[in-house]
Amino acid sequence: MNEQYLYTLSNITTEEMMFIKEIMQSLDADAKNKFMMIYSGKRRDPQHILFFGILGFFGIAGIQRFATNQIGMGILYFLTAGLCLIGTIIDLVNYKNLANEFNHKMALESRSFIELARS
């Protein structure tokens, strides 16, 4: 498969690209296309996580946690104003890590879905 599909993902990090290449290594062309369709719908752009974190300074803390399926932390951030803004600041510094962690989980989930469909 050409790597052109990876470049269609907006703001893809080098770490994410290497992880996806590793996951897709043993897939045939049709499975790779299906994987990319599933994965591209599930992944989160790191810039969106940054934007959601910035919203935490304007009274809507925790959206970045909800966007990465960390519902409990999202509720905690919402009720405590981003843990008195300290948690929000930490998330702003680590927004790429939050996005990469979520995207890795979604890539593995997408890969397992492809494996189930093949069976």
N, C-alpha and C. Protein backbone atom coordinates (compact mmCIF):
# COMPACT_ATOMS: atom_id res chain seq x y z
N MET A 1 0.84 -1.19 0.00
CA MET A 1 0.00 0.00 0.00
C MET A 1 0.88 1.24 0.00
N ASN A 2 0.47 2.21 -0.75
CA ASN A 2 1.17 3.48 -0.72
C ASN A 2 0.90 4.16 0.60
N GLU A 3 1.81 5.00 0.99
CA GLU A 3 1.64 5.72 2.25
C GLU A 3 0.75 6.95 2.08
N GLN A 4 0.16 7.11 0.89
CA GLN A 4 -0.68 8.28 0.64
C GLN A 4 -1.87 8.34 1.58
N TYR A 5 -2.38 7.19 1.99
CA TYR A 5 -3.53 7.18 2.90
C TYR A 5 -3.18 7.80 4.25
N LEU A 6 -1.96 7.59 4.69
CA LEU A 6 -1.55 8.14 5.98
C LEU A 6 -1.48 9.66 5.94
N TYR A 7 -1.14 10.20 4.79
CA TYR A 7 -1.02 11.65 4.69
C TYR A 7 -2.37 12.35 4.57
N THR A 8 -3.43 11.58 4.35
CA THR A 8 -4.76 12.18 4.31
C THR A 8 -5.29 12.47 5.71
N LEU A 9 -4.67 11.86 6.73
CA LEU A 9 -5.08 12.11 8.11
C LEU A 9 -4.51 13.46 8.54
N SER A 10 -5.37 14.32 9.03
CA SER A 10 -4.92 15.67 9.36
C SER A 10 -4.05 15.67 10.61
N ASN A 11 -2.97 16.42 10.55
CA ASN A 11 -2.04 16.61 11.65
C ASN A 11 -1.55 15.31 12.26
N ILE A 12 -1.23 14.34 11.43
CA ILE A 12 -0.74 13.06 11.94
C ILE A 12 0.68 13.24 12.46
N THR A 13 0.94 12.69 13.63
CA THR A 13 2.27 12.79 14.22
C THR A 13 3.14 11.65 13.71
N THR A 14 4.44 11.80 13.83
CA THR A 14 5.37 10.76 13.39
C THR A 14 5.14 9.48 14.17
N GLU A 15 4.92 9.61 15.47
CA GLU A 15 4.68 8.44 16.32
C GLU A 15 3.43 7.68 15.86
N GLU A 16 2.37 8.42 15.58
CA GLU A 16 1.13 7.80 15.13
C GLU A 16 1.33 7.12 13.77
N MET A 17 2.06 7.77 12.87
CA MET A 17 2.29 7.20 11.55
C MET A 17 3.06 5.89 11.64
N MET A 18 4.09 5.85 12.47
CA MET A 18 4.88 4.63 12.62
C MET A 18 4.03 3.51 13.23
N PHE A 19 3.19 3.86 14.19
CA PHE A 19 2.34 2.87 14.83
C PHE A 19 1.34 2.28 13.83
N ILE A 20 0.76 3.13 13.00
CA ILE A 20 -0.21 2.66 12.01
C ILE A 20 0.48 1.79 10.96
N LYS A 21 1.67 2.18 10.53
CA LYS A 21 2.41 1.36 9.56
C LYS A 21 2.67 -0.03 10.13
N GLU A 22 3.03 -0.08 11.40
CA GLU A 22 3.30 -1.36 12.06
C GLU A 22 2.04 -2.22 12.12
N ILE A 23 0.91 -1.61 12.45
CA ILE A 23 -0.35 -2.35 12.55
C ILE A 23 -0.80 -2.85 11.18
N MET A 24 -0.59 -2.06 10.15
CA MET A 24 -1.08 -2.41 8.82
C MET A 24 -0.12 -3.30 8.03
N GLN A 25 0.99 -3.63 8.60
CA GLN A 25 2.05 -4.34 7.89
C GLN A 25 1.57 -5.65 7.27
N SER A 26 0.80 -6.43 8.00
CA SER A 26 0.42 -7.76 7.51
C SER A 26 -0.94 -7.78 6.79
N LEU A 27 -1.53 -6.62 6.57
CA LEU A 27 -2.83 -6.57 5.92
C LEU A 27 -2.68 -6.50 4.40
N ASP A 28 -3.64 -7.08 3.69
CA ASP A 28 -3.64 -6.95 2.24
C ASP A 28 -4.24 -5.59 1.86
N ALA A 29 -4.24 -5.26 0.59
CA ALA A 29 -4.66 -3.93 0.13
C ALA A 29 -6.11 -3.62 0.49
N ASP A 30 -7.00 -4.60 0.33
CA ASP A 30 -8.40 -4.38 0.65
C ASP A 30 -8.60 -4.15 2.15
N ALA A 31 -7.92 -4.94 2.97
CA ALA A 31 -8.02 -4.79 4.42
C ALA A 31 -7.42 -3.45 4.87
N LYS A 32 -6.36 -3.01 4.20
CA LYS A 32 -5.76 -1.72 4.53
C LYS A 32 -6.74 -0.58 4.24
N ASN A 33 -7.43 -0.67 3.12
CA ASN A 33 -8.42 0.36 2.79
C ASN A 33 -9.54 0.38 3.83
N LYS A 34 -10.02 -0.79 4.21
CA LYS A 34 -11.08 -0.86 5.23
C LYS A 34 -10.59 -0.33 6.57
N PHE A 35 -9.36 -0.69 6.92
CA PHE A 35 -8.78 -0.20 8.17
C PHE A 35 -8.74 1.32 8.18
N MET A 36 -8.26 1.91 7.09
CA MET A 36 -8.14 3.37 7.03
C MET A 36 -9.50 4.04 7.09
N MET A 37 -10.51 3.44 6.47
CA MET A 37 -11.85 4.02 6.54
C MET A 37 -12.37 4.01 7.98
N ILE A 38 -12.18 2.91 8.67
CA ILE A 38 -12.65 2.79 10.06
C ILE A 38 -11.84 3.71 10.96
N TYR A 39 -10.52 3.63 10.85
CA TYR A 39 -9.64 4.39 11.73
C TYR A 39 -9.79 5.90 11.55
N SER A 40 -9.91 6.35 10.32
CA SER A 40 -9.99 7.79 10.09
C SER A 40 -11.27 8.38 10.69
N GLY A 41 -12.30 7.58 10.84
CA GLY A 41 -13.52 8.06 11.47
C GLY A 41 -13.44 8.09 12.99
N LYS A 42 -12.53 7.31 13.56
CA LYS A 42 -12.43 7.22 15.02
C LYS A 42 -11.35 8.10 15.63
N ARG A 43 -10.33 8.42 14.87
CA ARG A 43 -9.18 9.12 15.45
C ARG A 43 -9.51 10.57 15.80
N ARG A 44 -8.72 11.14 16.67
CA ARG A 44 -8.87 12.53 17.07
C ARG A 44 -7.63 13.30 16.63
N ASP A 45 -7.87 14.44 16.05
CA ASP A 45 -6.81 15.34 15.62
C ASP A 45 -6.21 16.00 16.86
N PRO A 46 -4.88 15.97 17.02
CA PRO A 46 -4.27 16.63 18.19
C PRO A 46 -4.64 18.11 18.31
N GLN A 47 -4.84 18.79 17.18
CA GLN A 47 -5.21 20.21 17.24
C GLN A 47 -6.59 20.40 17.85
N HIS A 48 -7.49 19.43 17.63
CA HIS A 48 -8.82 19.52 18.24
C HIS A 48 -8.72 19.34 19.75
N ILE A 49 -7.86 18.44 20.19
CA ILE A 49 -7.67 18.24 21.63
C ILE A 49 -7.11 19.53 22.25
N LEU A 50 -6.19 20.18 21.57
CA LEU A 50 -5.65 21.46 22.04
C LEU A 50 -6.75 22.51 22.14
N PHE A 51 -7.58 22.60 21.11
CA PHE A 51 -8.68 23.57 21.11
C PHE A 51 -9.64 23.30 22.27
N PHE A 52 -9.99 22.02 22.48
CA PHE A 52 -10.90 21.68 23.57
C PHE A 52 -10.28 22.02 24.93
N GLY A 53 -8.97 21.84 25.04
CA GLY A 53 -8.28 22.21 26.28
C GLY A 53 -8.31 23.71 26.53
N ILE A 54 -8.16 24.48 25.48
CA ILE A 54 -8.22 25.95 25.60
C ILE A 54 -9.61 26.39 26.06
N LEU A 55 -10.64 25.67 25.61
CA LEU A 55 -12.00 26.00 26.06
C LEU A 55 -12.15 25.84 27.57
N GLY A 56 -11.27 25.03 28.18
CA GLY A 56 -11.30 24.84 29.63
C GLY A 56 -11.06 26.12 30.41
N PHE A 57 -10.40 27.08 29.78
CA PHE A 57 -10.16 28.37 30.44
C PHE A 57 -11.40 29.26 30.41
N PHE A 58 -12.39 28.90 29.63
CA PHE A 58 -13.59 29.72 29.50
C PHE A 58 -14.81 29.07 30.12
N GLY A 59 -14.59 28.19 31.09
CA GLY A 59 -15.70 27.63 31.85
C GLY A 59 -16.25 26.32 31.37
N ILE A 60 -15.68 25.73 30.32
CA ILE A 60 -16.17 24.46 29.81
C ILE A 60 -15.04 23.44 29.93
N ALA A 61 -14.53 23.26 31.11
CA ALA A 61 -13.40 22.37 31.33
C ALA A 61 -13.79 20.92 31.14
N GLY A 62 -12.87 20.14 30.63
CA GLY A 62 -13.06 18.70 30.52
C GLY A 62 -13.47 18.19 29.16
N ILE A 63 -13.74 19.07 28.20
CA ILE A 63 -14.17 18.61 26.89
C ILE A 63 -13.10 17.73 26.24
N GLN A 64 -11.83 18.06 26.45
CA GLN A 64 -10.76 17.25 25.87
C GLN A 64 -10.79 15.84 26.43
N ARG A 65 -11.21 15.69 27.68
CA ARG A 65 -11.30 14.35 28.27
C ARG A 65 -12.51 13.59 27.73
N PHE A 66 -13.62 14.29 27.53
CA PHE A 66 -14.79 13.64 26.93
C PHE A 66 -14.47 13.20 25.50
N ALA A 67 -13.73 14.02 24.76
CA ALA A 67 -13.39 13.72 23.37
C ALA A 67 -12.48 12.50 23.25
N THR A 68 -11.73 12.20 24.30
CA THR A 68 -10.85 11.03 24.29
C THR A 68 -11.44 9.87 25.09
N ASN A 69 -12.74 9.87 25.26
CA ASN A 69 -13.49 8.81 25.94
C ASN A 69 -13.07 8.58 27.39
N GLN A 70 -12.58 9.61 28.04
CA GLN A 70 -12.27 9.54 29.47
C GLN A 70 -13.39 10.27 30.21
N ILE A 71 -14.55 9.61 30.25
CA ILE A 71 -15.77 10.24 30.74
C ILE A 71 -15.65 10.63 32.21
N GLY A 72 -15.10 9.75 33.03
CA GLY A 72 -14.95 10.05 34.46
C GLY A 72 -14.09 11.28 34.70
N MET A 73 -12.96 11.35 34.00
CA MET A 73 -12.08 12.53 34.15
C MET A 73 -12.76 13.77 33.59
N GLY A 74 -13.54 13.61 32.53
CA GLY A 74 -14.26 14.76 31.97
C GLY A 74 -15.25 15.33 32.96
N ILE A 75 -15.98 14.46 33.63
CA ILE A 75 -16.94 14.92 34.65
C ILE A 75 -16.20 15.58 35.80
N LEU A 76 -15.10 14.98 36.24
CA LEU A 76 -14.31 15.56 37.33
C LEU A 76 -13.78 16.94 36.94
N TYR A 77 -13.25 17.07 35.73
CA TYR A 77 -12.75 18.36 35.27
C TYR A 77 -13.88 19.39 35.19
N PHE A 78 -15.03 18.96 34.71
CA PHE A 78 -16.17 19.87 34.58
C PHE A 78 -16.62 20.38 35.94
N LEU A 79 -16.70 19.49 36.92
CA LEU A 79 -17.20 19.88 38.24
C LEU A 79 -16.18 20.65 39.07
N THR A 80 -14.90 20.48 38.77
CA THR A 80 -13.85 21.15 39.57
C THR A 80 -13.13 22.25 38.78
N ALA A 81 -13.75 22.70 37.68
CA ALA A 81 -13.15 23.74 36.83
C ALA A 81 -11.74 23.33 36.39
N GLY A 82 -11.64 22.11 35.87
CA GLY A 82 -10.35 21.64 35.38
C GLY A 82 -9.36 21.41 36.49
N LEU A 83 -9.88 20.90 37.63
CA LEU A 83 -9.05 20.73 38.84
C LEU A 83 -8.34 22.04 39.16
N CYS A 84 -9.17 23.08 39.26
CA CYS A 84 -8.70 24.45 39.55
C CYS A 84 -7.69 24.93 38.51
N LEU A 85 -7.94 24.59 37.28
CA LEU A 85 -7.15 24.95 36.10
C LEU A 85 -5.81 24.24 36.01
N ILE A 86 -5.37 23.57 37.06
CA ILE A 86 -4.08 22.88 37.02
C ILE A 86 -4.14 21.71 36.03
N GLY A 87 -5.20 20.91 36.09
CA GLY A 87 -5.36 19.79 35.17
C GLY A 87 -5.49 20.26 33.73
N THR A 88 -6.19 21.37 33.54
CA THR A 88 -6.35 21.92 32.20
C THR A 88 -5.01 22.37 31.63
N ILE A 89 -4.19 23.00 32.45
CA ILE A 89 -2.86 23.43 32.00
C ILE A 89 -1.99 22.23 31.65
N ILE A 90 -2.06 21.20 32.47
CA ILE A 90 -1.29 19.97 32.20
C ILE A 90 -1.75 19.34 30.89
N ASP A 91 -3.07 19.31 30.66
CA ASP A 91 -3.59 18.76 29.41
C ASP A 91 -3.16 19.59 28.21
N LEU A 92 -3.07 20.90 28.38
CA LEU A 92 -2.61 21.75 27.27
C LEU A 92 -1.16 21.45 26.92
N VAL A 93 -0.35 21.17 27.91
CA VAL A 93 1.05 20.84 27.66
C VAL A 93 1.16 19.46 27.01
N ASN A 94 0.30 18.54 27.44
CA ASN A 94 0.38 17.15 26.97
C ASN A 94 -0.71 16.79 25.96
N TYR A 95 -1.20 17.74 25.20
CA TYR A 95 -2.32 17.46 24.30
C TYR A 95 -1.96 16.43 23.22
N LYS A 96 -0.72 16.43 22.75
CA LYS A 96 -0.32 15.44 21.74
C LYS A 96 -0.30 14.04 22.34
N ASN A 97 0.13 13.92 23.59
CA ASN A 97 0.13 12.61 24.24
C ASN A 97 -1.29 12.10 24.44
N LEU A 98 -2.21 12.99 24.82
CA LEU A 98 -3.61 12.59 24.96
C LEU A 98 -4.16 12.08 23.64
N ALA A 99 -3.89 12.80 22.57
CA ALA A 99 -4.38 12.40 21.25
C ALA A 99 -3.72 11.11 20.79
N ASN A 100 -2.41 10.97 20.97
CA ASN A 100 -1.71 9.76 20.55
C ASN A 100 -2.20 8.53 21.32
N GLU A 101 -2.40 8.68 22.61
CA GLU A 101 -2.89 7.56 23.42
C GLU A 101 -4.27 7.12 22.92
N PHE A 102 -5.16 8.07 22.69
CA PHE A 102 -6.49 7.74 22.19
C PHE A 102 -6.42 7.12 20.80
N ASN A 103 -5.60 7.69 19.93
CA ASN A 103 -5.49 7.19 18.56
C ASN A 103 -4.88 5.78 18.50
N HIS A 104 -3.96 5.48 19.41
CA HIS A 104 -3.41 4.13 19.47
C HIS A 104 -4.50 3.13 19.84
N LYS A 105 -5.31 3.49 20.81
CA LYS A 105 -6.42 2.60 21.19
C LYS A 105 -7.39 2.40 20.03
N MET A 106 -7.68 3.46 19.32
CA MET A 106 -8.61 3.36 18.20
C MET A 106 -8.01 2.57 17.04
N ALA A 107 -6.70 2.68 16.84
CA ALA A 107 -6.04 1.89 15.78
C ALA A 107 -6.10 0.41 16.12
N LEU A 108 -5.84 0.07 17.37
CA LEU A 108 -5.92 -1.34 17.78
C LEU A 108 -7.35 -1.86 17.68
N GLU A 109 -8.30 -1.02 18.06
CA GLU A 109 -9.70 -1.41 17.95
C GLU A 109 -10.10 -1.61 16.49
N SER A 110 -9.65 -0.73 15.62
CA SER A 110 -9.96 -0.85 14.19
C SER A 110 -9.32 -2.10 13.61
N ARG A 111 -8.11 -2.38 14.02
CA ARG A 111 -7.41 -3.58 13.54
C ARG A 111 -8.15 -4.84 13.99
N SER A 112 -8.58 -4.87 15.24
CA SER A 112 -9.30 -6.05 15.73
C SER A 112 -10.64 -6.20 15.02
N PHE A 113 -11.27 -5.08 14.65
CA PHE A 113 -12.51 -5.15 13.89
C PHE A 113 -12.26 -5.76 12.52
N ILE A 114 -11.17 -5.39 11.88
CA ILE A 114 -10.81 -5.96 10.57
C ILE A 114 -10.55 -7.46 10.72
N GLU A 115 -9.85 -7.85 11.77
CA GLU A 115 -9.58 -9.27 12.00
C GLU A 115 -10.88 -10.05 12.20
N LEU A 116 -11.83 -9.49 12.93
CA LEU A 116 -13.11 -10.15 13.13
C LEU A 116 -13.89 -10.28 11.82
N ALA A 117 -13.80 -9.27 10.99
CA ALA A 117 -14.52 -9.29 9.71
C ALA A 117 -13.91 -10.33 8.76
N ARG A 118 -12.62 -10.59 8.88
CA ARG A 118 -11.96 -11.57 8.03
C ARG A 118 -12.36 -13.00 8.41
N SER A 119 -12.66 -13.20 9.68
CA SER A 119 -12.98 -14.56 10.17
C SER A 119 -14.32 -15.04 9.70
